[in-house]
Amino acid sequence: MSLVRLNIKGISYSQTQNGAYALILNEVDGDRKLPIVIGAFEAQSIAIALEKEIRPPRPLTHDLFKNFSDRFNITVKQVIIHKLVDGVFYSSLICERENVEEIIDARTSDAIALALRFQAPIFTYKNILDKAGIYLKVNPEKEHDSSHSDDVLTDDLISEDLETPAPKDSYQSKTLDELNQLLAHAVMNEDYEKAAKIRDEISKR
């Protein structure tokens, strides 16, 4: 079976599953997306790894695994999402130590959080992408409206999971200095969801 490389497109709130998030993986050489429902902790860990400027004051679980692996010269070479059963994705970490390769079973959310920290590529099999992959298309009614030019999902059931509510906190009225202070405070309090929103506002400017 041929492998297909994926990258991370983003993370969205899930409105149909309380406390859950949807991780969207994108086919590198194609247009299909692979949505995977993950928990809040894993979503936070992945978001922190993606947002390199946010550094927690203490290592999270996946950071601890990375530090442990570095100390003992263990490297995660790649992650493979190798099975889909009843809507649940199964993944493997392909690890290497002293030129000896080992395969370790892992939850997909944990595997991707670690892949980011090891800068390891993420793959899945073509038959899994054929089964669970979805296409994004631009809504023709909003095609000419720049304020609504975001992609929408063609799958109605999954699209409900991927709608992102407007953030409760508005940071548009804050100055850059105030935003940087709020960011530092949020990181210190380990409120990484809030930190990510503040970082997004800073990036817009």
C-alpha atoms as a PDB file:
ATOM      1  CA  MET A   1       0.000   0.000   0.000  1.00  0.00           C
ATOM      2  CA  SER A   2       1.308   3.430  -0.923  1.00  0.00           C
ATOM      3  CA  LEU A   3       1.901   6.097   1.703  1.00  0.00           C
ATOM      4  CA  VAL A   4       0.566   9.641   1.391  1.00  0.00           C
ATOM      5  CA  ARG A   5       2.294  12.475   3.215  1.00  0.00           C
ATOM      6  CA  LEU A   6       0.175  14.841   5.300  1.00  0.00           C
ATOM      7  CA  ASN A   7       0.746  18.188   6.949  1.00  0.00           C
ATOM      8  CA  ILE A   8      -1.269  20.039   9.567  1.00  0.00           C
ATOM      9  CA  LYS A   9      -3.777  22.550   8.242  1.00  0.00           C
ATOM     10  CA  GLY A  10      -5.189  23.643  11.586  1.00  0.00           C
ATOM     11  CA  ILE A  11      -7.289  22.901  14.657  1.00  0.00           C
ATOM     12  CA  SER A  12     -10.964  23.823  15.071  1.00  0.00           C
ATOM     13  CA  TYR A  13     -13.456  23.660  17.907  1.00  0.00           C
ATOM     14  CA  SER A  14     -16.003  20.859  17.762  1.00  0.00           C
ATOM     15  CA  GLN A  15     -19.563  22.010  18.393  1.00  0.00           C
ATOM     16  CA  THR A  16     -21.033  18.513  18.293  1.00  0.00           C
ATOM     17  CA  GLN A  17     -18.681  16.966  20.866  1.00  0.00           C
ATOM     18  CA  ASN A  18     -18.282  18.948  24.051  1.00  0.00           C
ATOM     19  CA  GLY A  19     -14.641  19.631  24.931  1.00  0.00           C
ATOM     20  CA  ALA A  20     -13.351  18.096  21.699  1.00  0.00           C
ATOM     21  CA  TYR A  21     -11.413  19.590  18.813  1.00  0.00           C
ATOM     22  CA  ALA A  22     -10.977  18.673  15.160  1.00  0.00           C
ATOM     23  CA  LEU A  23      -7.421  18.354  13.887  1.00  0.00           C
ATOM     24  CA  ILE A  24      -7.301  18.876  10.114  1.00  0.00           C
ATOM     25  CA  LEU A  25      -4.541  17.142   8.185  1.00  0.00           C
ATOM     26  CA  ASN A  26      -3.924  18.137   4.586  1.00  0.00           C
ATOM     27  CA  GLU A  27      -2.742  15.885   1.753  1.00  0.00           C
ATOM     28  CA  VAL A  28       0.604  17.350   0.626  1.00  0.00           C
ATOM     29  CA  ASP A  29       0.237  16.483  -3.058  1.00  0.00           C
ATOM     30  CA  GLY A  30      -3.546  16.785  -3.279  1.00  0.00           C
ATOM     31  CA  ASP A  31      -6.686  18.563  -2.108  1.00  0.00           C
ATOM     32  CA  ARG A  32      -8.096  16.125   0.413  1.00  0.00           C
ATOM     33  CA  LYS A  33      -8.295  16.831   4.136  1.00  0.00           C
ATOM     34  CA  LEU A  34      -8.324  14.267   6.921  1.00  0.00           C
ATOM     35  CA  PRO A  35     -10.293  15.478   9.992  1.00  0.00           C
ATOM     36  CA  ILE A  36      -9.511  13.750  13.296  1.00  0.00           C
ATOM     37  CA  VAL A  37     -11.381  14.454  16.536  1.00  0.00           C
ATOM     38  CA  ILE A  38      -8.973  14.929  19.458  1.00  0.00           C
ATOM     39  CA  GLY A  39      -9.175  15.950  23.106  1.00  0.00           C
ATOM     40  CA  ALA A  40      -8.553  19.401  24.548  1.00  0.00           C
ATOM     41  CA  PHE A  41      -5.183  18.514  26.115  1.00  0.00           C
ATOM     42  CA  GLU A  42      -3.820  17.057  22.889  1.00  0.00           C
ATOM     43  CA  ALA A  43      -5.164  20.042  20.917  1.00  0.00           C
ATOM     44  CA  GLN A  44      -3.374  22.377  23.322  1.00  0.00           C
ATOM     45  CA  SER A  45      -0.129  20.427  23.020  1.00  0.00           C
ATOM     46  CA  ILE A  46      -0.281  20.443  19.212  1.00  0.00           C
ATOM     47  CA  ALA A  47      -1.139  24.156  19.129  1.00  0.00           C
ATOM     48  CA  ILE A  48       1.851  24.983  21.339  1.00  0.00           C
ATOM     49  CA  ALA A  49       4.174  22.971  19.083  1.00  0.00           C
ATOM     50  CA  LEU A  50       2.804  24.790  16.038  1.00  0.00           C
ATOM     51  CA  GLU A  51       3.107  28.198  17.687  1.00  0.00           C
ATOM     52  CA  LYS A  52       6.830  28.162  18.349  1.00  0.00           C
ATOM     53  CA  GLU A  53       6.849  31.526  20.126  1.00  0.00           C
ATOM     54  CA  ILE A  54       4.721  30.176  22.990  1.00  0.00           C
ATOM     55  CA  ARG A  55       6.881  28.293  25.462  1.00  0.00           C
ATOM     56  CA  PRO A  56       5.307  26.826  28.594  1.00  0.00           C
ATOM     57  CA  PRO A  57       7.180  27.487  31.851  1.00  0.00           C
ATOM     58  CA  ARG A  58       7.172  23.752  32.578  1.00  0.00           C
ATOM     59  CA  PRO A  59       7.375  20.878  30.061  1.00  0.00           C
ATOM     60  CA  LEU A  60       4.087  19.354  28.982  1.00  0.00           C
ATOM     61  CA  THR A  61       3.815  15.565  28.711  1.00  0.00           C
ATOM     62  CA  HIS A  62       4.897  15.526  25.061  1.00  0.00           C
ATOM     63  CA  ASP A  63       7.777  17.887  25.815  1.00  0.00           C
ATOM     64  CA  LEU A  64       8.867  15.543  28.602  1.00  0.00           C
ATOM     65  CA  PHE A  65       8.793  12.602  26.172  1.00  0.00           C
ATOM     66  CA  LYS A  66      10.923  14.607  23.740  1.00  0.00           C
ATOM     67  CA  ASN A  67      13.442  15.528  26.464  1.00  0.00           C
ATOM     68  CA  PHE A  68      13.572  11.926  27.644  1.00  0.00           C
ATOM     69  CA  SER A  69      14.120  10.651  24.099  1.00  0.00           C
ATOM     70  CA  ASP A  70      16.850  13.194  23.416  1.00  0.00           C
ATOM     71  CA  ARG A  71      18.667  12.173  26.583  1.00  0.00           C
ATOM     72  CA  PHE A  72      18.729   8.532  25.503  1.00  0.00           C
ATOM     73  CA  ASN A  73      19.361   9.205  21.793  1.00  0.00           C
ATOM     74  CA  ILE A  74      15.947   8.028  20.626  1.00  0.00           C
ATOM     75  CA  THR A  75      14.567   9.700  17.514  1.00  0.00           C
ATOM     76  CA  VAL A  76      11.060   9.596  16.074  1.00  0.00           C
ATOM     77  CA  LYS A  77      11.696   9.261  12.341  1.00  0.00           C
ATOM     78  CA  GLN A  78       8.092   9.354  11.129  1.00  0.00           C
ATOM     79  CA  VAL A  79       4.465   8.834  12.121  1.00  0.00           C
ATOM     80  CA  ILE A  80       2.128   6.577  10.162  1.00  0.00           C
ATOM     81  CA  ILE A  81      -1.655   6.627  10.563  1.00  0.00           C
ATOM     82  CA  HIS A  82      -2.057   3.006   9.588  1.00  0.00           C
ATOM     83  CA  LYS A  83      -5.604   1.949  10.438  1.00  0.00           C
ATOM     84  CA  LEU A  84      -9.164   3.284  10.673  1.00  0.00           C
ATOM     85  CA  VAL A  85     -11.713   1.185  12.560  1.00  0.00           C
ATOM     86  CA  ASP A  86     -15.198   2.420  13.511  1.00  0.00           C
ATOM     87  CA  GLY A  87     -14.123   6.028  13.126  1.00  0.00           C
ATOM     88  CA  VAL A  88     -11.011   5.617  15.285  1.00  0.00           C
ATOM     89  CA  PHE A  89      -7.574   6.234  13.749  1.00  0.00           C
ATOM     90  CA  TYR A  90      -4.616   4.095  14.833  1.00  0.00           C
ATOM     91  CA  SER A  91      -1.044   5.319  14.489  1.00  0.00           C
ATOM     92  CA  SER A  92       2.530   4.163  14.918  1.00  0.00           C
ATOM     93  CA  LEU A  93       5.722   5.962  15.838  1.00  0.00           C
ATOM     94  CA  ILE A  94       8.694   4.799  13.801  1.00  0.00           C
ATOM     95  CA  CYS A  95      11.590   5.281  16.210  1.00  0.00           C
ATOM     96  CA  GLU A  96      15.325   4.759  15.887  1.00  0.00           C
ATOM     97  CA  ARG A  97      18.143   4.334  18.400  1.00  0.00           C
ATOM     98  CA  GLU A  98      21.691   3.406  17.434  1.00  0.00           C
ATOM     99  CA  ASN A  99      20.513   2.445  13.933  1.00  0.00           C
ATOM    100  CA  VAL A 100      17.927   0.046  15.350  1.00  0.00           C
ATOM    101  CA  GLU A 101      14.353   0.780  14.278  1.00  0.00           C
ATOM    102  CA  GLU A 102      11.356   0.141  16.516  1.00  0.00           C
ATOM    103  CA  ILE A 103       7.641   0.625  15.910  1.00  0.00           C
ATOM    104  CA  ILE A 104       5.556   1.897  18.837  1.00  0.00           C
ATOM    105  CA  ASP A 105       1.753   2.013  18.899  1.00  0.00           C
ATOM    106  CA  ALA A 106       0.306   5.434  19.774  1.00  0.00           C
ATOM    107  CA  ARG A 107      -2.905   7.402  19.759  1.00  0.00           C
ATOM    108  CA  THR A 108      -2.977   9.568  16.660  1.00  0.00           C
ATOM    109  CA  SER A 109      -3.206  12.822  18.634  1.00  0.00           C
ATOM    110  CA  ASP A 110      -0.148  11.890  20.716  1.00  0.00           C
ATOM    111  CA  ALA A 111       1.733  10.709  17.641  1.00  0.00           C
ATOM    112  CA  ILE A 112       1.170  14.024  15.852  1.00  0.00           C
ATOM    113  CA  ALA A 113       2.093  16.071  18.927  1.00  0.00           C
ATOM    114  CA  LEU A 114       5.382  14.148  19.032  1.00  0.00           C
ATOM    115  CA  ALA A 115       5.931  14.352  15.262  1.00  0.00           C
ATOM    116  CA  LEU A 116       5.879  18.143  15.549  1.00  0.00           C
ATOM    117  CA  ARG A 117       8.453  18.122  18.325  1.00  0.00           C
ATOM    118  CA  PHE A 118      10.758  15.772  16.421  1.00  0.00           C
ATOM    119  CA  GLN A 119      10.066  17.506  13.096  1.00  0.00           C
ATOM    120  CA  ALA A 120       9.077  14.091  11.770  1.00  0.00           C
ATOM    121  CA  PRO A 121       6.879  13.633   8.680  1.00  0.00           C
ATOM    122  CA  ILE A 122       3.307  12.347   9.009  1.00  0.00           C
ATOM    123  CA  PHE A 123       1.947   9.728   6.610  1.00  0.00           C
ATOM    124  CA  THR A 124      -1.184   7.698   6.067  1.00  0.00           C
ATOM    125  CA  TYR A 125      -2.093   4.978   3.611  1.00  0.00           C
ATOM    126  CA  LYS A 126      -3.920   5.858   0.415  1.00  0.00           C
ATOM    127  CA  ASN A 127      -6.844   3.574   1.236  1.00  0.00           C
ATOM    128  CA  ILE A 128      -7.427   5.413   4.546  1.00  0.00           C
ATOM    129  CA  LEU A 129      -7.407   8.774   2.790  1.00  0.00           C
ATOM    130  CA  ASP A 130      -9.766   7.369   0.144  1.00  0.00           C
ATOM    131  CA  LYS A 131     -12.134   6.267   2.907  1.00  0.00           C
ATOM    132  CA  ALA A 132     -11.990   9.204   5.331  1.00  0.00           C
ATOM    133  CA  GLY A 133     -10.595  12.105   3.294  1.00  0.00           C
ATOM    134  CA  ILE A 134     -12.850  15.018   2.377  1.00  0.00           C
ATOM    135  CA  TYR A 135     -12.601  17.808  -0.167  1.00  0.00           C
ATOM    136  CA  LEU A 136     -12.877  21.515   0.568  1.00  0.00           C
ATOM    137  CA  LYS A 137     -14.496  23.887  -1.877  1.00  0.00           C
ATOM    138  CA  VAL A 138     -15.239  27.588  -1.929  1.00  0.00           C
ATOM    139  CA  ASN A 139     -18.910  28.465  -1.513  1.00  0.00           C
ATOM    140  CA  PRO A 140     -19.865  30.014  -4.883  1.00  0.00           C
ATOM    141  CA  GLU A 141     -22.389  32.380  -3.251  1.00  0.00           C
ATOM    142  CA  LYS A 142     -19.586  33.900  -1.171  1.00  0.00           C
ATOM    143  CA  GLU A 143     -16.856  33.627  -3.751  1.00  0.00           C
ATOM    144  CA  HIS A 144     -16.745  37.383  -4.368  1.00  0.00           C
ATOM    145  CA  ASP A 145     -17.122  38.382  -0.727  1.00  0.00           C
ATOM    146  CA  SER A 146     -13.649  38.748   0.772  1.00  0.00           C
ATOM    147  CA  SER A 147     -15.003  38.592   4.323  1.00  0.00           C
ATOM    148  CA  HIS A 148     -16.397  35.101   3.627  1.00  0.00           C
ATOM    149  CA  SER A 149     -13.671  33.632   1.447  1.00  0.00           C
ATOM    150  CA  ASP A 150     -12.797  30.797   3.839  1.00  0.00           C
ATOM    151  CA  ASP A 151     -13.151  27.232   2.595  1.00  0.00           C
ATOM    152  CA  VAL A 152     -16.244  25.303   3.611  1.00  0.00           C
ATOM    153  CA  LEU A 153     -16.495  21.550   3.990  1.00  0.00           C
ATOM    154  CA  THR A 154     -18.581  19.562   1.547  1.00  0.00           C
ATOM    155  CA  ASP A 155     -19.439  16.943   4.171  1.00  0.00           C
ATOM    156  CA  ASP A 156     -22.302  18.391   6.280  1.00  0.00           C
ATOM    157  CA  LEU A 157     -21.779  16.086   9.247  1.00  0.00           C
ATOM    158  CA  ILE A 158     -18.095  16.882   9.556  1.00  0.00           C
ATOM    159  CA  SER A 159     -18.585  20.559   8.793  1.00  0.00           C
ATOM    160  CA  GLU A 160     -20.602  20.929  11.989  1.00  0.00           C
ATOM    161  CA  ASP A 161     -17.560  19.726  13.898  1.00  0.00           C
ATOM    162  CA  LEU A 162     -15.326  22.262  12.228  1.00  0.00           C
ATOM    163  CA  GLU A 163     -17.271  25.468  12.656  1.00  0.00           C
ATOM    164  CA  THR A 164     -15.241  27.833  14.795  1.00  0.00           C
ATOM    165  CA  PRO A 165     -17.205  30.125  17.095  1.00  0.00           C
ATOM    166  CA  ALA A 166     -16.180  33.727  17.410  1.00  0.00           C
ATOM    167  CA  PRO A 167     -13.765  34.198  20.312  1.00  0.00           C
ATOM    168  CA  LYS A 168     -15.325  35.518  23.490  1.00  0.00           C
ATOM    169  CA  ASP A 169     -12.422  37.827  24.252  1.00  0.00           C
ATOM    170  CA  SER A 170     -11.764  40.709  21.884  1.00  0.00           C
ATOM    171  CA  TYR A 171      -8.199  41.968  21.749  1.00  0.00           C
ATOM    172  CA  GLN A 172      -8.613  44.384  18.854  1.00  0.00           C
ATOM    173  CA  SER A 173      -8.748  47.421  21.151  1.00  0.00           C
ATOM    174  CA  LYS A 174      -5.487  46.508  22.905  1.00  0.00           C
ATOM    175  CA  THR A 175      -2.118  47.997  22.010  1.00  0.00           C
ATOM    176  CA  LEU A 176       0.806  45.752  21.047  1.00  0.00           C
ATOM    177  CA  ASP A 177       2.449  46.345  24.421  1.00  0.00           C
ATOM    178  CA  GLU A 178      -0.751  45.374  26.215  1.00  0.00           C
ATOM    179  CA  LEU A 179      -1.112  42.277  24.042  1.00  0.00           C
ATOM    180  CA  ASN A 180       2.467  41.184  24.766  1.00  0.00           C
ATOM    181  CA  GLN A 181       1.858  41.617  28.486  1.00  0.00           C
ATOM    182  CA  LEU A 182      -1.362  39.600  28.258  1.00  0.00           C
ATOM    183  CA  LEU A 183       0.475  36.920  26.277  1.00  0.00           C
ATOM    184  CA  ALA A 184       3.215  36.612  28.893  1.00  0.00           C
ATOM    185  CA  HIS A 185       0.612  36.432  31.650  1.00  0.00           C
ATOM    186  CA  ALA A 186      -1.417  33.754  29.828  1.00  0.00           C
ATOM    187  CA  VAL A 187       1.683  31.595  29.252  1.00  0.00           C
ATOM    188  CA  MET A 188       2.730  31.987  32.898  1.00  0.00           C
ATOM    189  CA  ASN A 189      -0.737  30.808  33.968  1.00  0.00           C
ATOM    190  CA  GLU A 190      -0.560  27.967  31.414  1.00  0.00           C
ATOM    191  CA  ASP A 191      -3.707  29.238  29.685  1.00  0.00           C
ATOM    192  CA  TYR A 192      -2.475  28.254  26.241  1.00  0.00           C
ATOM    193  CA  GLU A 193      -5.831  28.567  24.511  1.00  0.00           C
ATOM    194  CA  LYS A 194      -5.974  32.244  25.506  1.00  0.00           C
ATOM    195  CA  ALA A 195      -2.299  32.667  24.608  1.00  0.00           C
ATOM    196  CA  ALA A 196      -2.927  31.320  21.117  1.00  0.00           C
ATOM    197  CA  LYS A 197      -5.759  33.821  20.561  1.00  0.00           C
ATOM    198  CA  ILE A 198      -3.558  36.699  21.714  1.00  0.00           C
ATOM    199  CA  ARG A 199      -0.710  35.502  19.504  1.00  0.00           C
ATOM    200  CA  ASP A 200      -3.120  35.412  16.537  1.00  0.00           C
ATOM    201  CA  GLU A 201      -4.084  39.042  17.182  1.00  0.00           C
ATOM    202  CA  ILE A 202      -0.418  40.060  17.422  1.00  0.00           C
ATOM    203  CA  SER A 203       0.344  38.230  14.172  1.00  0.00           C
ATOM    204  CA  LYS A 204      -2.440  40.117  12.365  1.00  0.00           C
ATOM    205  CA  ARG A 205      -0.680  43.372  13.113  1.00  0.00           C
END
